[in-house]
PDB file of N, CA and C in Angstrom:
ATOM      1  N   UNK A   1      90.738  94.146 108.633  1.00  0.00           N
ATOM      2  CA  UNK A   1      89.444  93.832 109.191  1.00  0.00           C
ATOM      3  C   UNK A   1      89.023  92.430 108.775  1.00  0.00           C
ATOM      4  N   UNK A   2      88.488  91.731 109.680  1.00  0.00           N
ATOM      5  CA  UNK A   2      88.073  90.349 109.433  1.00  0.00           C
ATOM      6  C   UNK A   2      87.000  90.262 108.342  1.00  0.00           C
ATOM      7  N   UNK A   3      86.074  91.209 108.313  1.00  0.00           N
ATOM      8  CA  UNK A   3      84.997  91.186 107.323  1.00  0.00           C
ATOM      9  C   UNK A   3      85.557  91.317 105.910  1.00  0.00           C
ATOM     10  N   UNK A   4      86.572  92.155 105.756  1.00  0.00           N
ATOM     11  CA  UNK A   4      87.173  92.332 104.437  1.00  0.00           C
ATOM     12  C   UNK A   4      87.947  91.084 104.026  1.00  0.00           C
ATOM     13  N   UNK A   5      88.617  90.463 104.979  1.00  0.00           N
ATOM     14  CA  UNK A   5      89.287  89.190 104.699  1.00  0.00           C
ATOM     15  C   UNK A   5      88.277  88.151 104.241  1.00  0.00           C
ATOM     16  N   UNK A   6      87.118  88.114 104.880  1.00  0.00           N
ATOM     17  CA  UNK A   6      86.067  87.169 104.502  1.00  0.00           C
ATOM     18  C   UNK A   6      85.599  87.406 103.069  1.00  0.00           C
ATOM     19  N   UNK A   7      85.442  88.669 102.684  1.00  0.00           N
ATOM     20  CA  UNK A   7      85.048  88.988 101.311  1.00  0.00           C
ATOM     21  C   UNK A   7      86.061  88.426 100.314  1.00  0.00           C
ATOM     22  N   UNK A   8      87.321  88.663 100.588  1.00  0.00           N
ATOM     23  CA  UNK A   8      88.368  88.197  99.681  1.00  0.00           C
ATOM     24  C   UNK A   8      88.439  86.672  99.638  1.00  0.00           C
ATOM     25  N   UNK A   9      88.282  86.040 100.775  1.00  0.00           N
ATOM     26  CA  UNK A   9      88.314  84.571 100.812  1.00  0.00           C
ATOM     27  C   UNK A   9      87.139  83.960 100.058  1.00  0.00           C
ATOM     28  N   UNK A  10      85.976  84.547 100.200  1.00  0.00           N
ATOM     29  CA  UNK A  10      84.812  84.026  99.461  1.00  0.00           C
ATOM     30  C   UNK A  10      85.050  84.124  97.962  1.00  0.00           C
ATOM     31  N   UNK A  11      85.631  85.245  97.521  1.00  0.00           N
ATOM     32  CA  UNK A  11      85.962  85.388  96.100  1.00  0.00           C
ATOM     33  C   UNK A  11      86.959  84.310  95.686  1.00  0.00           C
ATOM     34  N   UNK A  12      88.001  84.130  96.473  1.00  0.00           N
ATOM     35  CA  UNK A  12      89.023  83.132  96.144  1.00  0.00           C
ATOM     36  C   UNK A  12      88.442  81.728  96.051  1.00  0.00           C
ATOM     37  N   UNK A  13      87.542  81.411  96.923  1.00  0.00           N
ATOM     38  CA  UNK A  13      86.976  80.059  96.952  1.00  0.00           C
ATOM     39  C   UNK A  13      85.936  79.825  95.861  1.00  0.00           C
ATOM     40  N   UNK A  14      85.153  80.857  95.531  1.00  0.00           N
ATOM     41  CA  UNK A  14      84.053  80.615  94.607  1.00  0.00           C
ATOM     42  C   UNK A  14      84.310  81.088  93.180  1.00  0.00           C
ATOM     43  N   UNK A  15      84.969  82.194  93.006  1.00  0.00           N
ATOM     44  CA  UNK A  15      85.104  82.776  91.666  1.00  0.00           C
ATOM     45  C   UNK A  15      86.495  82.585  91.064  1.00  0.00           C
ATOM     46  N   UNK A  16      87.517  82.753  91.856  1.00  0.00           N
ATOM     47  CA  UNK A  16      88.888  82.726  91.337  1.00  0.00           C
ATOM     48  C   UNK A  16      89.217  81.443  90.565  1.00  0.00           C
ATOM     49  N   UNK A  17      88.821  80.268  91.049  1.00  0.00           N
ATOM     50  CA  UNK A  17      89.181  79.043  90.319  1.00  0.00           C
ATOM     51  C   UNK A  17      88.621  78.988  88.891  1.00  0.00           C
ATOM     52  N   UNK A  18      87.513  79.660  88.636  1.00  0.00           N
ATOM     53  CA  UNK A  18      86.909  79.616  87.301  1.00  0.00           C
ATOM     54  C   UNK A  18      87.157  80.892  86.499  1.00  0.00           C
ATOM     55  N   UNK A  19      87.862  81.839  87.081  1.00  0.00           N
ATOM     56  CA  UNK A  19      88.103  83.129  86.429  1.00  0.00           C
ATOM     57  C   UNK A  19      89.102  82.976  85.283  1.00  0.00           C
ATOM     58  N   UNK A  20      88.936  83.839  84.304  1.00  0.00           N
ATOM     59  CA  UNK A  20      89.893  83.898  83.195  1.00  0.00           C
ATOM     60  C   UNK A  20      91.216  84.484  83.699  1.00  0.00           C
ATOM     61  N   UNK A  21      92.254  84.262  82.931  1.00  0.00           N
ATOM     62  CA  UNK A  21      93.585  84.729  83.340  1.00  0.00           C
ATOM     63  C   UNK A  21      93.633  86.237  83.559  1.00  0.00           C
ATOM     64  N   UNK A  22      92.920  87.005  82.721  1.00  0.00           N
ATOM     65  CA  UNK A  22      92.948  88.460  82.894  1.00  0.00           C
ATOM     66  C   UNK A  22      92.242  88.882  84.173  1.00  0.00           C
ATOM     67  N   UNK A  23      91.189  88.161  84.563  1.00  0.00           N
ATOM     68  CA  UNK A  23      90.514  88.461  85.828  1.00  0.00           C
ATOM     69  C   UNK A  23      91.414  88.095  87.014  1.00  0.00           C
ATOM     70  N   UNK A  24      92.121  86.989  86.898  1.00  0.00           N
ATOM     71  CA  UNK A  24      93.056  86.595  87.963  1.00  0.00           C
ATOM     72  C   UNK A  24      94.152  87.643  88.121  1.00  0.00           C
ATOM     73  N   UNK A  25      94.651  88.158  87.008  1.00  0.00           N
ATOM     74  CA  UNK A  25      95.679  89.200  87.068  1.00  0.00           C
ATOM     75  C   UNK A  25      95.123  90.470  87.695  1.00  0.00           C
ATOM     76  N   UNK A  26      93.881  90.806  87.365  1.00  0.00           N
ATOM     77  CA  UNK A  26      93.249  91.991  87.954  1.00  0.00           C
ATOM     78  C   UNK A  26      93.049  91.803  89.451  1.00  0.00           C
ATOM     79  N   UNK A  27      92.680  90.600  89.878  1.00  0.00           N
ATOM     80  CA  UNK A  27      92.530  90.330  91.304  1.00  0.00           C
ATOM     81  C   UNK A  27      93.866  90.499  92.017  1.00  0.00           C
ATOM     82  N   UNK A  28      94.929  90.004  91.431  1.00  0.00           N
ATOM     83  CA  UNK A  28      96.250  90.160  92.030  1.00  0.00           C
ATOM     84  C   UNK A  28      96.635  91.632  92.123  1.00  0.00           C
ATOM     85  N   UNK A  29      96.256  92.412  91.110  1.00  0.00           N
ATOM     86  CA  UNK A  29      96.523  93.853  91.153  1.00  0.00           C
ATOM     87  C   UNK A  29      95.721  94.521  92.266  1.00  0.00           C
ATOM     88  N   UNK A  30      94.490  94.060  92.475  1.00  0.00           N
ATOM     89  CA  UNK A  30      93.662  94.591  93.561  1.00  0.00           C
ATOM     90  C   UNK A  30      94.327  94.303  94.909  1.00  0.00           C
ATOM     91  N   UNK A  31      94.867  93.118  95.060  1.00  0.00           N
ATOM     92  CA  UNK A  31      95.526  92.762  96.320  1.00  0.00           C
ATOM     93  C   UNK A  31      96.774  93.599  96.587  1.00  0.00           C
ATOM     94  N   UNK A  32      97.369  94.138  95.561  1.00  0.00           N
ATOM     95  CA  UNK A  32      98.575  94.949  95.717  1.00  0.00           C
ATOM     96  C   UNK A  32      98.267  96.420  96.006  1.00  0.00           C
ATOM     97  N   UNK A  33      96.991  96.783  96.008  1.00  0.00           N
ATOM     98  CA  UNK A  33      96.617  98.170  96.300  1.00  0.00           C
ATOM     99  C   UNK A  33      96.970  98.518  97.742  1.00  0.00           C
ATOM    100  N   UNK A  34      97.255  99.775  98.014  1.00  0.00           N
ATOM    101  CA  UNK A  34      97.460 100.191  99.406  1.00  0.00           C
ATOM    102  C   UNK A  34      96.190  99.912 100.223  1.00  0.00           C
ATOM    103  N   UNK A  35      96.379  99.531 101.476  1.00  0.00           N
ATOM    104  CA  UNK A  35      95.243  99.172 102.322  1.00  0.00           C
ATOM    105  C   UNK A  35      94.123 100.220 102.349  1.00  0.00           C
ATOM    106  N   UNK A  36      94.424 101.505 102.482  1.00  0.00           N
ATOM    107  CA  UNK A  36      93.327 102.486 102.518  1.00  0.00           C
ATOM    108  C   UNK A  36      92.494 102.485 101.230  1.00  0.00           C
ATOM    109  N   UNK A  37      93.161 102.310 100.096  1.00  0.00           N
ATOM    110  CA  UNK A  37      92.443 102.283  98.817  1.00  0.00           C
ATOM    111  C   UNK A  37      91.593 101.018  98.704  1.00  0.00           C
ATOM    112  N   UNK A  38      92.172  99.876  99.029  1.00  0.00           N
ATOM    113  CA  UNK A  38      91.433  98.612  98.986  1.00  0.00           C
ATOM    114  C   UNK A  38      90.242  98.648  99.935  1.00  0.00           C
ATOM    115  N   UNK A  39      90.448  99.134 101.138  1.00  0.00           N
ATOM    116  CA  UNK A  39      89.351  99.250 102.099  1.00  0.00           C
ATOM    117  C   UNK A  39      88.249 100.151 101.564  1.00  0.00           C
ATOM    118  N   UNK A  40      88.626 101.254 100.944  1.00  0.00           N
ATOM    119  CA  UNK A  40      87.632 102.165 100.374  1.00  0.00           C
ATOM    120  C   UNK A  40      86.768 101.483  99.332  1.00  0.00           C
ATOM    121  N   UNK A  41      87.377 100.658  98.498  1.00  0.00           N
ATOM    122  CA  UNK A  41      86.620  99.930  97.476  1.00  0.00           C
ATOM    123  C   UNK A  41      85.715  98.875  98.105  1.00  0.00           C
ATOM    124  N   UNK A  42      86.257  98.097  99.023  1.00  0.00           N
ATOM    125  CA  UNK A  42      85.485  97.002  99.608  1.00  0.00           C
ATOM    126  C   UNK A  42      84.388  97.503 100.547  1.00  0.00           C
ATOM    127  N   UNK A  43      84.586  98.664 101.130  1.00  0.00           N
ATOM    128  CA  UNK A  43      83.545  99.259 101.984  1.00  0.00           C
ATOM    129  C   UNK A  43      82.617 100.169 101.185  1.00  0.00           C
ATOM    130  N   UNK A  44      82.828 100.205  99.883  1.00  0.00           N
ATOM    131  CA  UNK A  44      82.021 100.970  98.931  1.00  0.00           C
ATOM    132  C   UNK A  44      82.022 102.465  99.220  1.00  0.00           C
ATOM    133  N   UNK A  45      83.142 102.958  99.692  1.00  0.00           N
ATOM    134  CA  UNK A  45      83.319 104.399  99.901  1.00  0.00           C
ATOM    135  C   UNK A  45      83.965 105.042  98.687  1.00  0.00           C
ATOM    136  N   UNK A  46      84.599 104.208  97.860  1.00  0.00           N
ATOM    137  CA  UNK A  46      85.253 104.648  96.639  1.00  0.00           C
ATOM    138  C   UNK A  46      84.881 103.669  95.534  1.00  0.00           C
ATOM    139  N   UNK A  47      85.017 104.133  94.291  1.00  0.00           N
ATOM    140  CA  UNK A  47      84.774 103.279  93.130  1.00  0.00           C
ATOM    141  C   UNK A  47      86.048 103.279  92.291  1.00  0.00           C
ATOM    142  N   UNK A  48      86.553 102.097  91.968  1.00  0.00           N
ATOM    143  CA  UNK A  48      87.768 102.061  91.152  1.00  0.00           C
ATOM    144  C   UNK A  48      87.499 102.638  89.760  1.00  0.00           C
ATOM    145  N   UNK A  49      88.462 103.357  89.235  1.00  0.00           N
ATOM    146  CA  UNK A  49      88.304 103.948  87.909  1.00  0.00           C
ATOM    147  C   UNK A  49      88.799 103.020  86.811  1.00  0.00           C
ATOM    148  N   UNK A  50      89.709 102.145  87.134  1.00  0.00           N
ATOM    149  CA  UNK A  50      90.219 101.200  86.139  1.00  0.00           C
ATOM    150  C   UNK A  50      89.218 100.066  85.957  1.00  0.00           C
ATOM    151  N   UNK A  51      88.886  99.789  84.718  1.00  0.00           N
ATOM    152  CA  UNK A  51      87.849  98.813  84.394  1.00  0.00           C
ATOM    153  C   UNK A  51      88.074  97.424  84.958  1.00  0.00           C
ATOM    154  N   UNK A  52      89.291  96.908  84.843  1.00  0.00           N
ATOM    155  CA  UNK A  52      89.533  95.543  85.311  1.00  0.00           C
ATOM    156  C   UNK A  52      89.423  95.444  86.829  1.00  0.00           C
ATOM    157  N   UNK A  53      89.902  96.460  87.528  1.00  0.00           N
ATOM    158  CA  UNK A  53      89.777  96.454  88.993  1.00  0.00           C
ATOM    159  C   UNK A  53      88.320  96.622  89.401  1.00  0.00           C
ATOM    160  N   UNK A  54      87.594  97.466  88.703  1.00  0.00           N
ATOM    161  CA  UNK A  54      86.167  97.657  88.997  1.00  0.00           C
ATOM    162  C   UNK A  54      85.405  96.349  88.797  1.00  0.00           C
ATOM    163  N   UNK A  55      85.759  95.606  87.753  1.00  0.00           N
ATOM    164  CA  UNK A  55      85.124  94.321  87.459  1.00  0.00           C
ATOM    165  C   UNK A  55      85.337  93.345  88.615  1.00  0.00           C
ATOM    166  N   UNK A  56      86.565  93.256  89.090  1.00  0.00           N
ATOM    167  CA  UNK A  56      86.893  92.334  90.179  1.00  0.00           C
ATOM    168  C   UNK A  56      86.213  92.770  91.476  1.00  0.00           C
ATOM    169  N   UNK A  57      86.255  94.046  91.790  1.00  0.00           N
ATOM    170  CA  UNK A  57      85.612  94.540  93.016  1.00  0.00           C
ATOM    171  C   UNK A  57      84.118  94.244  92.970  1.00  0.00           C
ATOM    172  N   UNK A  58      83.508  94.449  91.813  1.00  0.00           N
ATOM    173  CA  UNK A  58      82.073  94.146  91.670  1.00  0.00           C
ATOM    174  C   UNK A  58      81.796  92.680  91.996  1.00  0.00           C
ATOM    175  N   UNK A  59      82.632  91.800  91.492  1.00  0.00           N
ATOM    176  CA  UNK A  59      82.443  90.370  91.758  1.00  0.00           C
ATOM    177  C   UNK A  59      82.714  90.024  93.217  1.00  0.00           C
ATOM    178  N   UNK A  60      83.719  90.640  93.794  1.00  0.00           N
ATOM    179  CA  UNK A  60      84.009  90.388  95.215  1.00  0.00           C
ATOM    180  C   UNK A  60      82.799  90.769  96.073  1.00  0.00           C
ATOM    181  N   UNK A  61      82.220  91.916  95.777  1.00  0.00           N
ATOM    182  CA  UNK A  61      81.093  92.407  96.573  1.00  0.00           C
ATOM    183  C   UNK A  61      79.788  91.678  96.296  1.00  0.00           C
ATOM    184  N   UNK A  62      79.697  91.001  95.156  1.00  0.00           N
ATOM    185  CA  UNK A  62      78.445  90.331  94.788  1.00  0.00           C
ATOM    186  C   UNK A  62      78.306  88.914  95.335  1.00  0.00           C
ATOM    187  N   UNK A  63      79.383  88.364  95.880  1.00  0.00           N
ATOM    188  CA  UNK A  63      79.324  87.003  96.404  1.00  0.00           C
ATOM    189  C   UNK A  63      78.599  87.011  97.741  1.00  0.00           C
ATOM    190  N   UNK A  64      77.527  86.230  97.831  1.00  0.00           N
ATOM    191  CA  UNK A  64      76.742  86.245  99.088  1.00  0.00           C
ATOM    192  C   UNK A  64      77.495  85.644 100.262  1.00  0.00           C
ATOM    193  N   UNK A  65      77.207  86.167 101.412  1.00  0.00           N
ATOM    194  CA  UNK A  65      77.763  85.644 102.657  1.00  0.00           C
ATOM    195  C   UNK A  65      76.889  84.481 103.097  1.00  0.00           C
ATOM    196  N   UNK A  66      77.477  83.299 103.082  1.00  0.00           N
ATOM    197  CA  UNK A  66      76.688  82.104 103.417  1.00  0.00           C
ATOM    198  C   UNK A  66      76.998  81.627 104.801  1.00  0.00           C
TER     199      UNK A  66
END
């Protein structure tokens, strides 16, 4: 979905460059999730149980759409 791609791109452009290495690794792990699971998190239908993934998803969803 284009909207989900936009969410990820906004994170990459605004947060990823300043993120710590562990956050970058967690983001890469999020990208490796199966599409249904990733979509569930980004559409807020599911909540990740792993702390580092939850942290990254929270930041992805908190970036305003400009």
